[in-house]
PDB file of N, CA and C in Angstrom:
ATOM      1  N   UNK A   1    -125.878  25.325 159.150  1.00  0.00           N
ATOM      2  CA  UNK A   1    -125.157  25.300 160.388  1.00  0.00           C
ATOM      3  C   UNK A   1    -124.470  23.955 160.490  1.00  0.00           C
ATOM      4  N   UNK A   2    -123.169  23.954 160.784  1.00  0.00           N
ATOM      5  CA  UNK A   2    -122.428  22.698 160.926  1.00  0.00           C
ATOM      6  C   UNK A   2    -122.732  22.064 162.241  1.00  0.00           C
ATOM      7  N   UNK A   3    -122.491  20.731 162.285  1.00  0.00           N
ATOM      8  CA  UNK A   3    -122.800  19.961 163.510  1.00  0.00           C
ATOM      9  C   UNK A   3    -122.022  20.506 164.701  1.00  0.00           C
ATOM     10  N   UNK A   4    -120.728  20.887 164.471  1.00  0.00           N
ATOM     11  CA  UNK A   4    -119.898  21.419 165.584  1.00  0.00           C
ATOM     12  C   UNK A   4    -120.398  22.691 166.117  1.00  0.00           C
ATOM     13  N   UNK A   5    -120.858  23.541 165.218  1.00  0.00           N
ATOM     14  CA  UNK A   5    -121.378  24.843 165.629  1.00  0.00           C
ATOM     15  C   UNK A   5    -122.692  24.688 166.381  1.00  0.00           C
ATOM     16  N   UNK A   6    -123.560  23.774 165.956  1.00  0.00           N
ATOM     17  CA  UNK A   6    -124.816  23.516 166.602  1.00  0.00           C
ATOM     18  C   UNK A   6    -124.560  22.996 167.969  1.00  0.00           C
ATOM     19  N   UNK A   7    -123.599  22.083 168.116  1.00  0.00           N
ATOM     20  CA  UNK A   7    -123.318  21.521 169.439  1.00  0.00           C
ATOM     21  C   UNK A   7    -122.733  22.589 170.370  1.00  0.00           C
ATOM     22  N   UNK A   8    -121.884  23.453 169.841  1.00  0.00           N
ATOM     23  CA  UNK A   8    -121.308  24.545 170.605  1.00  0.00           C
ATOM     24  C   UNK A   8    -122.452  25.512 171.115  1.00  0.00           C
ATOM     25  N   UNK A   9    -123.382  25.760 170.264  1.00  0.00           N
ATOM     26  CA  UNK A   9    -124.479  26.646 170.671  1.00  0.00           C
ATOM     27  C   UNK A   9    -125.342  25.977 171.768  1.00  0.00           C
ATOM     28  N   UNK A  10    -125.559  24.686 171.688  1.00  0.00           N
ATOM     29  CA  UNK A  10    -126.320  23.964 172.705  1.00  0.00           C
ATOM     30  C   UNK A  10    -125.569  24.033 174.030  1.00  0.00           C
ATOM     31  N   UNK A  11    -124.279  23.702 173.978  1.00  0.00           N
ATOM     32  CA  UNK A  11    -123.478  23.722 175.200  1.00  0.00           C
ATOM     33  C   UNK A  11    -123.477  25.138 175.829  1.00  0.00           C
ATOM     34  N   UNK A  12    -123.280  26.157 174.977  1.00  0.00           N
ATOM     35  CA  UNK A  12    -123.259  27.502 175.507  1.00  0.00           C
ATOM     36  C   UNK A  12    -124.649  27.902 176.065  1.00  0.00           C
ATOM     37  N   UNK A  13    -125.669  27.407 175.454  1.00  0.00           N
ATOM     38  CA  UNK A  13    -127.012  27.687 175.960  1.00  0.00           C
ATOM     39  C   UNK A  13    -127.286  27.205 177.329  1.00  0.00           C
ATOM     40  N   UNK A  14    -126.633  26.056 177.720  1.00  0.00           N
ATOM     41  CA  UNK A  14    -126.878  25.523 179.017  1.00  0.00           C
ATOM     42  C   UNK A  14    -125.861  26.039 180.051  1.00  0.00           C
ATOM     43  N   UNK A  15    -124.805  26.614 179.630  1.00  0.00           N
ATOM     44  CA  UNK A  15    -123.796  27.128 180.546  1.00  0.00           C
ATOM     45  C   UNK A  15    -124.363  28.308 181.312  1.00  0.00           C
ATOM     46  N   UNK A  16    -124.170  28.280 182.586  1.00  0.00           N
ATOM     47  CA  UNK A  16    -124.627  29.416 183.399  1.00  0.00           C
ATOM     48  C   UNK A  16    -126.092  29.363 183.798  1.00  0.00           C
ATOM     49  N   UNK A  17    -126.793  28.292 183.421  1.00  0.00           N
ATOM     50  CA  UNK A  17    -128.193  28.136 183.877  1.00  0.00           C
ATOM     51  C   UNK A  17    -128.190  27.808 185.329  1.00  0.00           C
ATOM     52  N   UNK A  18    -128.921  28.559 186.156  1.00  0.00           N
ATOM     53  CA  UNK A  18    -128.955  28.322 187.568  1.00  0.00           C
ATOM     54  C   UNK A  18    -130.162  27.460 187.899  1.00  0.00           C
ATOM     55  N   UNK A  19    -129.926  26.525 188.796  1.00  0.00           N
ATOM     56  CA  UNK A  19    -131.051  25.725 189.279  1.00  0.00           C
ATOM     57  C   UNK A  19    -131.853  26.563 190.232  1.00  0.00           C
ATOM     58  N   UNK A  20    -133.135  26.267 190.296  1.00  0.00           N
ATOM     59  CA  UNK A  20    -133.997  27.020 191.196  1.00  0.00           C
ATOM     60  C   UNK A  20    -133.629  26.775 192.643  1.00  0.00           C
ATOM     61  N   UNK A  21    -133.624  27.799 193.434  1.00  0.00           N
ATOM     62  CA  UNK A  21    -133.338  27.674 194.910  1.00  0.00           C
ATOM     63  C   UNK A  21    -134.548  26.984 195.567  1.00  0.00           C
ATOM     64  N   UNK A  22    -134.254  26.361 196.658  1.00  0.00           N
ATOM     65  CA  UNK A  22    -135.288  25.644 197.418  1.00  0.00           C
ATOM     66  C   UNK A  22    -135.360  26.292 198.836  1.00  0.00           C
ATOM     67  N   UNK A  23    -136.612  26.610 199.244  1.00  0.00           N
ATOM     68  CA  UNK A  23    -136.787  27.243 200.520  1.00  0.00           C
ATOM     69  C   UNK A  23    -136.912  26.198 201.664  1.00  0.00           C
ATOM     70  N   UNK A  24    -136.380  26.568 202.781  1.00  0.00           N
ATOM     71  CA  UNK A  24    -136.514  25.835 204.038  1.00  0.00           C
ATOM     72  C   UNK A  24    -136.733  26.808 205.146  1.00  0.00           C
ATOM     73  N   UNK A  25    -136.810  26.356 206.375  1.00  0.00           N
ATOM     74  CA  UNK A  25    -136.962  27.234 207.530  1.00  0.00           C
ATOM     75  C   UNK A  25    -135.904  26.872 208.554  1.00  0.00           C
ATOM     76  N   UNK A  26    -135.445  27.870 209.312  1.00  0.00           N
ATOM     77  CA  UNK A  26    -134.484  27.585 210.428  1.00  0.00           C
ATOM     78  C   UNK A  26    -135.317  26.892 211.517  1.00  0.00           C
ATOM     79  N   UNK A  27    -134.713  25.805 212.083  1.00  0.00           N
ATOM     80  CA  UNK A  27    -135.377  24.972 213.069  1.00  0.00           C
ATOM     81  C   UNK A  27    -135.172  25.471 214.505  1.00  0.00           C
ATOM     82  N   UNK A  28    -134.315  26.389 214.723  1.00  0.00           N
ATOM     83  CA  UNK A  28    -133.982  26.924 216.065  1.00  0.00           C
ATOM     84  C   UNK A  28    -133.494  28.363 215.948  1.00  0.00           C
ATOM     85  N   UNK A  29    -133.383  29.035 217.081  1.00  0.00           N
ATOM     86  CA  UNK A  29    -132.880  30.418 217.100  1.00  0.00           C
ATOM     87  C   UNK A  29    -131.385  30.464 217.169  1.00  0.00           C
ATOM     88  N   UNK A  30    -130.822  31.488 216.592  1.00  0.00           N
ATOM     89  CA  UNK A  30    -129.411  31.749 216.667  1.00  0.00           C
ATOM     90  C   UNK A  30    -128.547  30.887 215.732  1.00  0.00           C
ATOM     91  N   UNK A  31    -129.050  30.401 214.646  1.00  0.00           N
ATOM     92  CA  UNK A  31    -128.287  29.576 213.730  1.00  0.00           C
ATOM     93  C   UNK A  31    -127.291  30.487 212.959  1.00  0.00           C
ATOM     94  N   UNK A  32    -126.001  30.141 213.103  1.00  0.00           N
ATOM     95  CA  UNK A  32    -124.987  30.966 212.427  1.00  0.00           C
ATOM     96  C   UNK A  32    -125.047  30.814 210.914  1.00  0.00           C
ATOM     97  N   UNK A  33    -124.909  31.951 210.252  1.00  0.00           N
ATOM     98  CA  UNK A  33    -124.692  31.996 208.803  1.00  0.00           C
ATOM     99  C   UNK A  33    -123.265  32.473 208.624  1.00  0.00           C
ATOM    100  N   UNK A  34    -122.469  31.639 207.959  1.00  0.00           N
ATOM    101  CA  UNK A  34    -121.005  31.833 207.918  1.00  0.00           C
ATOM    102  C   UNK A  34    -120.474  32.118 206.467  1.00  0.00           C
ATOM    103  N   UNK A  35    -119.219  32.612 206.482  1.00  0.00           N
ATOM    104  CA  UNK A  35    -118.560  32.907 205.199  1.00  0.00           C
ATOM    105  C   UNK A  35    -118.145  31.686 204.407  1.00  0.00           C
ATOM    106  N   UNK A  36    -118.037  30.524 205.107  1.00  0.00           N
ATOM    107  CA  UNK A  36    -117.690  29.276 204.433  1.00  0.00           C
ATOM    108  C   UNK A  36    -118.337  28.115 205.192  1.00  0.00           C
ATOM    109  N   UNK A  37    -118.297  26.885 204.690  1.00  0.00           N
ATOM    110  CA  UNK A  37    -118.993  25.776 205.356  1.00  0.00           C
ATOM    111  C   UNK A  37    -118.223  25.110 206.493  1.00  0.00           C
ATOM    112  N   UNK A  38    -117.696  25.933 207.362  1.00  0.00           N
ATOM    113  CA  UNK A  38    -116.901  25.409 208.510  1.00  0.00           C
ATOM    114  C   UNK A  38    -117.304  26.231 209.746  1.00  0.00           C
ATOM    115  N   UNK A  39    -117.322  25.540 210.900  1.00  0.00           N
ATOM    116  CA  UNK A  39    -117.648  26.222 212.122  1.00  0.00           C
ATOM    117  C   UNK A  39    -116.578  27.281 212.503  1.00  0.00           C
ATOM    118  N   UNK A  40    -115.362  27.142 211.967  1.00  0.00           N
ATOM    119  CA  UNK A  40    -114.347  28.088 212.220  1.00  0.00           C
ATOM    120  C   UNK A  40    -114.411  29.370 211.420  1.00  0.00           C
ATOM    121  N   UNK A  41    -115.271  29.414 210.402  1.00  0.00           N
ATOM    122  CA  UNK A  41    -115.439  30.604 209.550  1.00  0.00           C
ATOM    123  C   UNK A  41    -116.257  31.699 210.274  1.00  0.00           C
ATOM    124  N   UNK A  42    -116.010  32.896 209.835  1.00  0.00           N
ATOM    125  CA  UNK A  42    -116.673  34.044 210.452  1.00  0.00           C
ATOM    126  C   UNK A  42    -118.216  34.005 210.241  1.00  0.00           C
ATOM    127  N   UNK A  43    -118.941  34.296 211.331  1.00  0.00           N
ATOM    128  CA  UNK A  43    -120.375  34.351 211.193  1.00  0.00           C
ATOM    129  C   UNK A  43    -120.725  35.783 210.744  1.00  0.00           C
ATOM    130  N   UNK A  44    -121.577  35.817 209.726  1.00  0.00           N
ATOM    131  CA  UNK A  44    -121.998  37.122 209.128  1.00  0.00           C
ATOM    132  C   UNK A  44    -123.472  37.466 209.483  1.00  0.00           C
ATOM    133  N   UNK A  45    -124.156  36.541 210.135  1.00  0.00           N
ATOM    134  CA  UNK A  45    -125.474  36.762 210.511  1.00  0.00           C
ATOM    135  C   UNK A  45    -126.023  35.519 211.220  1.00  0.00           C
ATOM    136  N   UNK A  46    -127.318  35.604 211.592  1.00  0.00           N
ATOM    137  CA  UNK A  46    -127.978  34.460 212.253  1.00  0.00           C
ATOM    138  C   UNK A  46    -129.332  34.252 211.655  1.00  0.00           C
ATOM    139  N   UNK A  47    -129.821  33.031 211.775  1.00  0.00           N
ATOM    140  CA  UNK A  47    -131.198  32.662 211.423  1.00  0.00           C
ATOM    141  C   UNK A  47    -131.946  32.419 212.710  1.00  0.00           C
ATOM    142  N   UNK A  48    -133.208  32.825 212.747  1.00  0.00           N
ATOM    143  CA  UNK A  48    -134.051  32.583 213.878  1.00  0.00           C
ATOM    144  C   UNK A  48    -135.127  31.571 213.522  1.00  0.00           C
ATOM    145  N   UNK A  49    -135.603  30.857 214.529  1.00  0.00           N
ATOM    146  CA  UNK A  49    -136.592  29.820 214.332  1.00  0.00           C
ATOM    147  C   UNK A  49    -137.763  30.275 213.416  1.00  0.00           C
ATOM    148  N   UNK A  50    -138.036  29.518 212.420  1.00  0.00           N
ATOM    149  CA  UNK A  50    -139.145  29.730 211.431  1.00  0.00           C
ATOM    150  C   UNK A  50    -138.869  30.793 210.368  1.00  0.00           C
ATOM    151  N   UNK A  51    -137.708  31.442 210.437  1.00  0.00           N
ATOM    152  CA  UNK A  51    -137.396  32.327 209.324  1.00  0.00           C
ATOM    153  C   UNK A  51    -137.103  31.517 208.064  1.00  0.00           C
ATOM    154  N   UNK A  52    -137.395  32.003 206.925  1.00  0.00           N
ATOM    155  CA  UNK A  52    -137.105  31.282 205.677  1.00  0.00           C
ATOM    156  C   UNK A  52    -135.676  31.406 205.260  1.00  0.00           C
ATOM    157  N   UNK A  53    -135.157  30.299 204.750  1.00  0.00           N
ATOM    158  CA  UNK A  53    -133.799  30.262 204.201  1.00  0.00           C
ATOM    159  C   UNK A  53    -133.920  29.676 202.794  1.00  0.00           C
ATOM    160  N   UNK A  54    -133.409  30.437 201.807  1.00  0.00           N
ATOM    161  CA  UNK A  54    -133.464  29.957 200.393  1.00  0.00           C
ATOM    162  C   UNK A  54    -132.099  29.323 200.076  1.00  0.00           C
ATOM    163  N   UNK A  55    -132.082  28.036 199.927  1.00  0.00           N
ATOM    164  CA  UNK A  55    -130.846  27.303 199.631  1.00  0.00           C
ATOM    165  C   UNK A  55    -130.585  27.278 198.149  1.00  0.00           C
ATOM    166  N   UNK A  56    -129.354  27.717 197.755  1.00  0.00           N
ATOM    167  CA  UNK A  56    -128.982  27.709 196.391  1.00  0.00           C
ATOM    168  C   UNK A  56    -128.288  26.424 196.003  1.00  0.00           C
ATOM    169  N   UNK A  57    -127.375  25.956 196.901  1.00  0.00           N
ATOM    170  CA  UNK A  57    -126.612  24.781 196.665  1.00  0.00           C
ATOM    171  C   UNK A  57    -126.015  24.269 197.995  1.00  0.00           C
ATOM    172  N   UNK A  58    -125.335  23.091 197.933  1.00  0.00           N
ATOM    173  CA  UNK A  58    -124.786  22.526 199.127  1.00  0.00           C
ATOM    174  C   UNK A  58    -123.267  22.217 198.948  1.00  0.00           C
ATOM    175  N   UNK A  59    -122.557  22.170 200.073  1.00  0.00           N
ATOM    176  CA  UNK A  59    -121.171  21.813 200.084  1.00  0.00           C
ATOM    177  C   UNK A  59    -120.900  20.953 201.306  1.00  0.00           C
ATOM    178  N   UNK A  60    -119.811  20.156 201.252  1.00  0.00           N
ATOM    179  CA  UNK A  60    -119.392  19.469 202.473  1.00  0.00           C
ATOM    180  C   UNK A  60    -118.549  20.385 203.345  1.00  0.00           C
ATOM    181  N   UNK A  61    -118.686  20.282 204.629  1.00  0.00           N
ATOM    182  CA  UNK A  61    -117.958  21.119 205.535  1.00  0.00           C
ATOM    183  C   UNK A  61    -117.790  20.436 206.910  1.00  0.00           C
ATOM    184  N   UNK A  62    -117.657  21.205 207.960  1.00  0.00           N
ATOM    185  CA  UNK A  62    -117.521  20.706 209.335  1.00  0.00           C
ATOM    186  C   UNK A  62    -118.717  19.846 209.647  1.00  0.00           C
ATOM    187  N   UNK A  63    -118.467  18.674 210.261  1.00  0.00           N
ATOM    188  CA  UNK A  63    -119.556  17.852 210.709  1.00  0.00           C
ATOM    189  C   UNK A  63    -120.259  18.428 211.915  1.00  0.00           C
ATOM    190  N   UNK A  64    -121.601  18.535 211.800  1.00  0.00           N
ATOM    191  CA  UNK A  64    -122.408  19.061 212.937  1.00  0.00           C
ATOM    192  C   UNK A  64    -123.446  18.021 213.145  1.00  0.00           C
ATOM    193  N   UNK A  65    -123.562  17.471 214.378  1.00  0.00           N
ATOM    194  CA  UNK A  65    -124.501  16.422 214.715  1.00  0.00           C
ATOM    195  C   UNK A  65    -124.545  15.274 213.738  1.00  0.00           C
ATOM    196  N   UNK A  66    -123.341  14.895 213.313  1.00  0.00           N
ATOM    197  CA  UNK A  66    -123.244  13.756 212.377  1.00  0.00           C
ATOM    198  C   UNK A  66    -123.435  14.009 210.909  1.00  0.00           C
ATOM    199  N   UNK A  67    -123.666  15.269 210.556  1.00  0.00           N
ATOM    200  CA  UNK A  67    -123.940  15.631 209.152  1.00  0.00           C
ATOM    201  C   UNK A  67    -122.919  16.679 208.711  1.00  0.00           C
ATOM    202  N   UNK A  68    -122.271  16.428 207.520  1.00  0.00           N
ATOM    203  CA  UNK A  68    -121.290  17.395 206.997  1.00  0.00           C
ATOM    204  C   UNK A  68    -121.816  18.226 205.791  1.00  0.00           C
ATOM    205  N   UNK A  69    -123.119  18.235 205.594  1.00  0.00           N
ATOM    206  CA  UNK A  69    -123.707  19.012 204.518  1.00  0.00           C
ATOM    207  C   UNK A  69    -124.022  20.421 205.003  1.00  0.00           C
ATOM    208  N   UNK A  70    -123.572  21.390 204.222  1.00  0.00           N
ATOM    209  CA  UNK A  70    -123.810  22.803 204.533  1.00  0.00           C
ATOM    210  C   UNK A  70    -124.543  23.437 203.293  1.00  0.00           C
ATOM    211  N   UNK A  71    -125.398  24.360 203.570  1.00  0.00           N
ATOM    212  CA  UNK A  71    -126.147  25.018 202.510  1.00  0.00           C
ATOM    213  C   UNK A  71    -125.598  26.435 202.308  1.00  0.00           C
ATOM    214  N   UNK A  72    -125.501  26.858 201.036  1.00  0.00           N
ATOM    215  CA  UNK A  72    -125.215  28.222 200.678  1.00  0.00           C
ATOM    216  C   UNK A  72    -126.505  28.848 200.259  1.00  0.00           C
ATOM    217  N   UNK A  73    -126.874  29.929 200.894  1.00  0.00           N
ATOM    218  CA  UNK A  73    -128.164  30.555 200.554  1.00  0.00           C
ATOM    219  C   UNK A  73    -128.341  31.844 201.250  1.00  0.00           C
ATOM    220  N   UNK A  74    -129.638  32.251 201.307  1.00  0.00           N
ATOM    221  CA  UNK A  74    -129.970  33.554 201.824  1.00  0.00           C
ATOM    222  C   UNK A  74    -131.096  33.487 202.898  1.00  0.00           C
ATOM    223  N   UNK A  75    -130.891  34.148 204.013  1.00  0.00           N
ATOM    224  CA  UNK A  75    -131.979  34.315 204.990  1.00  0.00           C
ATOM    225  C   UNK A  75    -132.927  35.297 204.427  1.00  0.00           C
ATOM    226  N   UNK A  76    -134.107  34.908 204.084  1.00  0.00           N
ATOM    227  CA  UNK A  76    -135.043  35.789 203.437  1.00  0.00           C
ATOM    228  C   UNK A  76    -135.621  36.863 204.352  1.00  0.00           C
ATOM    229  N   UNK A  77    -135.500  36.680 205.681  1.00  0.00           N
ATOM    230  CA  UNK A  77    -135.974  37.708 206.605  1.00  0.00           C
ATOM    231  C   UNK A  77    -134.967  38.846 206.759  1.00  0.00           C
ATOM    232  N   UNK A  78    -133.703  38.553 206.662  1.00  0.00           N
ATOM    233  CA  UNK A  78    -132.617  39.531 206.926  1.00  0.00           C
ATOM    234  C   UNK A  78    -131.811  39.903 205.662  1.00  0.00           C
ATOM    235  N   UNK A  79    -131.866  39.046 204.638  1.00  0.00           N
ATOM    236  CA  UNK A  79    -131.092  39.297 203.418  1.00  0.00           C
ATOM    237  C   UNK A  79    -129.640  38.761 203.550  1.00  0.00           C
ATOM    238  N   UNK A  80    -129.273  38.214 204.676  1.00  0.00           N
ATOM    239  CA  UNK A  80    -127.876  37.773 204.862  1.00  0.00           C
ATOM    240  C   UNK A  80    -127.613  36.509 204.029  1.00  0.00           C
ATOM    241  N   UNK A  81    -126.540  36.495 203.265  1.00  0.00           N
ATOM    242  CA  UNK A  81    -126.156  35.395 202.415  1.00  0.00           C
ATOM    243  C   UNK A  81    -124.904  34.725 203.017  1.00  0.00           C
ATOM    244  N   UNK A  82    -124.939  33.413 203.021  1.00  0.00           N
ATOM    245  CA  UNK A  82    -123.795  32.655 203.482  1.00  0.00           C
ATOM    246  C   UNK A  82    -124.121  31.192 203.651  1.00  0.00           C
ATOM    247  N   UNK A  83    -123.205  30.496 204.396  1.00  0.00           N
ATOM    248  CA  UNK A  83    -123.341  29.096 204.596  1.00  0.00           C
ATOM    249  C   UNK A  83    -123.898  28.760 206.003  1.00  0.00           C
ATOM    250  N   UNK A  84    -124.740  27.752 206.050  1.00  0.00           N
ATOM    251  CA  UNK A  84    -125.278  27.305 207.321  1.00  0.00           C
ATOM    252  C   UNK A  84    -125.362  25.819 207.314  1.00  0.00           C
ATOM    253  N   UNK A  85    -125.154  25.159 208.466  1.00  0.00           N
ATOM    254  CA  UNK A  85    -125.268  23.702 208.530  1.00  0.00           C
ATOM    255  C   UNK A  85    -126.692  23.248 208.162  1.00  0.00           C
ATOM    256  N   UNK A  86    -126.801  22.252 207.308  1.00  0.00           N
ATOM    257  CA  UNK A  86    -128.079  21.771 206.886  1.00  0.00           C
ATOM    258  C   UNK A  86    -128.902  21.121 208.031  1.00  0.00           C
ATOM    259  N   UNK A  87    -128.203  20.822 209.151  1.00  0.00           N
ATOM    260  CA  UNK A  87    -128.889  20.233 210.315  1.00  0.00           C
ATOM    261  C   UNK A  87    -129.892  21.194 210.869  1.00  0.00           C
ATOM    262  N   UNK A  88    -129.708  22.526 210.695  1.00  0.00           N
ATOM    263  CA  UNK A  88    -130.546  23.512 211.275  1.00  0.00           C
ATOM    264  C   UNK A  88    -131.624  24.120 210.330  1.00  0.00           C
ATOM    265  N   UNK A  89    -131.664  23.505 209.126  1.00  0.00           N
ATOM    266  CA  UNK A  89    -132.677  24.027 208.175  1.00  0.00           C
ATOM    267  C   UNK A  89    -133.635  22.871 207.770  1.00  0.00           C
ATOM    268  N   UNK A  90    -134.881  23.055 207.932  1.00  0.00           N
ATOM    269  CA  UNK A  90    -135.859  22.024 207.698  1.00  0.00           C
ATOM    270  C   UNK A  90    -136.828  22.396 206.538  1.00  0.00           C
ATOM    271  N   UNK A  91    -137.715  21.448 206.274  1.00  0.00           N
ATOM    272  CA  UNK A  91    -138.709  21.640 205.207  1.00  0.00           C
ATOM    273  C   UNK A  91    -139.683  22.754 205.552  1.00  0.00           C
ATOM    274  N   UNK A  92    -140.334  23.273 204.583  1.00  0.00           N
ATOM    275  CA  UNK A  92    -141.233  24.413 204.794  1.00  0.00           C
ATOM    276  C   UNK A  92    -142.701  23.956 204.857  1.00  0.00           C
ATOM    277  N   UNK A  93    -142.965  22.704 205.136  1.00  0.00           N
ATOM    278  CA  UNK A  93    -144.326  22.303 205.337  1.00  0.00           C
ATOM    279  C   UNK A  93    -144.819  21.188 204.422  1.00  0.00           C
ATOM    280  N   UNK A  94    -144.116  20.991 203.319  1.00  0.00           N
ATOM    281  CA  UNK A  94    -144.554  19.936 202.395  1.00  0.00           C
ATOM    282  C   UNK A  94    -143.849  18.635 202.574  1.00  0.00           C
ATOM    283  N   UNK A  95    -143.002  18.553 203.630  1.00  0.00           N
ATOM    284  CA  UNK A  95    -142.281  17.280 203.874  1.00  0.00           C
ATOM    285  C   UNK A  95    -140.978  17.153 203.078  1.00  0.00           C
ATOM    286  N   UNK A  96    -140.751  18.056 202.173  1.00  0.00           N
ATOM    287  CA  UNK A  96    -139.490  17.997 201.389  1.00  0.00           C
ATOM    288  C   UNK A  96    -138.787  19.358 201.523  1.00  0.00           C
ATOM    289  N   UNK A  97    -137.541  19.469 201.557  1.00  0.00           N
ATOM    290  CA  UNK A  97    -136.579  18.363 201.442  1.00  0.00           C
ATOM    291  C   UNK A  97    -136.274  17.615 202.728  1.00  0.00           C
ATOM    292  N   UNK A  98    -136.806  18.007 203.852  1.00  0.00           N
ATOM    293  CA  UNK A  98    -136.376  17.371 205.069  1.00  0.00           C
ATOM    294  C   UNK A  98    -135.268  18.212 205.649  1.00  0.00           C
ATOM    295  N   UNK A  99    -134.421  17.611 206.463  1.00  0.00           N
ATOM    296  CA  UNK A  99    -133.300  18.363 206.980  1.00  0.00           C
ATOM    297  C   UNK A  99    -131.990  17.593 206.870  1.00  0.00           C
ATOM    298  N   UNK A 100    -130.931  18.227 207.237  1.00  0.00           N
ATOM    299  CA  UNK A 100    -129.627  17.569 207.252  1.00  0.00           C
ATOM    300  C   UNK A 100    -129.186  17.120 205.861  1.00  0.00           C
ATOM    301  N   UNK A 101    -128.683  15.894 205.907  1.00  0.00           N
ATOM    302  CA  UNK A 101    -128.118  15.243 204.710  1.00  0.00           C
ATOM    303  C   UNK A 101    -129.078  15.170 203.543  1.00  0.00           C
ATOM    304  N   UNK A 102    -130.342  15.128 203.719  1.00  0.00           N
ATOM    305  CA  UNK A 102    -131.344  14.983 202.636  1.00  0.00           C
ATOM    306  C   UNK A 102    -131.308  16.215 201.700  1.00  0.00           C
ATOM    307  N   UNK A 103    -130.817  17.349 202.142  1.00  0.00           N
ATOM    308  CA  UNK A 103    -130.769  18.508 201.240  1.00  0.00           C
ATOM    309  C   UNK A 103    -129.940  18.177 199.991  1.00  0.00           C
ATOM    310  N   UNK A 104    -129.060  17.240 199.987  1.00  0.00           N
ATOM    311  CA  UNK A 104    -128.266  16.949 198.773  1.00  0.00           C
ATOM    312  C   UNK A 104    -129.102  16.525 197.630  1.00  0.00           C
ATOM    313  N   UNK A 105    -130.330  16.033 197.878  1.00  0.00           N
ATOM    314  CA  UNK A 105    -131.227  15.588 196.837  1.00  0.00           C
ATOM    315  C   UNK A 105    -132.119  16.677 196.271  1.00  0.00           C
ATOM    316  N   UNK A 106    -132.122  17.857 196.878  1.00  0.00           N
ATOM    317  CA  UNK A 106    -133.045  18.876 196.482  1.00  0.00           C
ATOM    318  C   UNK A 106    -132.390  20.181 195.963  1.00  0.00           C
ATOM    319  N   UNK A 107    -131.113  20.338 196.212  1.00  0.00           N
ATOM    320  CA  UNK A 107    -130.374  21.471 195.677  1.00  0.00           C
ATOM    321  C   UNK A 107    -129.056  20.951 195.047  1.00  0.00           C
ATOM    322  N   UNK A 108    -128.510  21.599 194.032  1.00  0.00           N
ATOM    323  CA  UNK A 108    -127.281  21.081 193.435  1.00  0.00           C
ATOM    324  C   UNK A 108    -126.068  21.289 194.319  1.00  0.00           C
ATOM    325  N   UNK A 109    -125.023  20.541 194.088  1.00  0.00           N
ATOM    326  CA  UNK A 109    -123.778  20.792 194.813  1.00  0.00           C
ATOM    327  C   UNK A 109    -123.122  21.983 194.234  1.00  0.00           C
ATOM    328  N   UNK A 110    -122.530  22.830 195.151  1.00  0.00           N
ATOM    329  CA  UNK A 110    -121.848  24.093 194.743  1.00  0.00           C
ATOM    330  C   UNK A 110    -120.561  23.756 193.966  1.00  0.00           C
TER     331      UNK A 110
END
């Protein structure tokens, strides 16, 4: 196997690998789950206090309470997938990832 072919195989092997999602919980009732990371985007569902949210990745969007980090993920109670402000999603009991801006350290950027 030539060096170039081996390198191509290694690169292809890592392409498309998904990082593990990180679970959090909604901190309040009626948290909008939207089609994009902006408050002007259509709401496709809601999260209720203590429902689990599985965050796949984060994006910058509309600033909410001083934080412009939004999470793309799934409400595990309802199955609704979309974006929600990271301000409204907190840790699931182990102290990590925290809420708001700290999500950037625990899920990859979209």
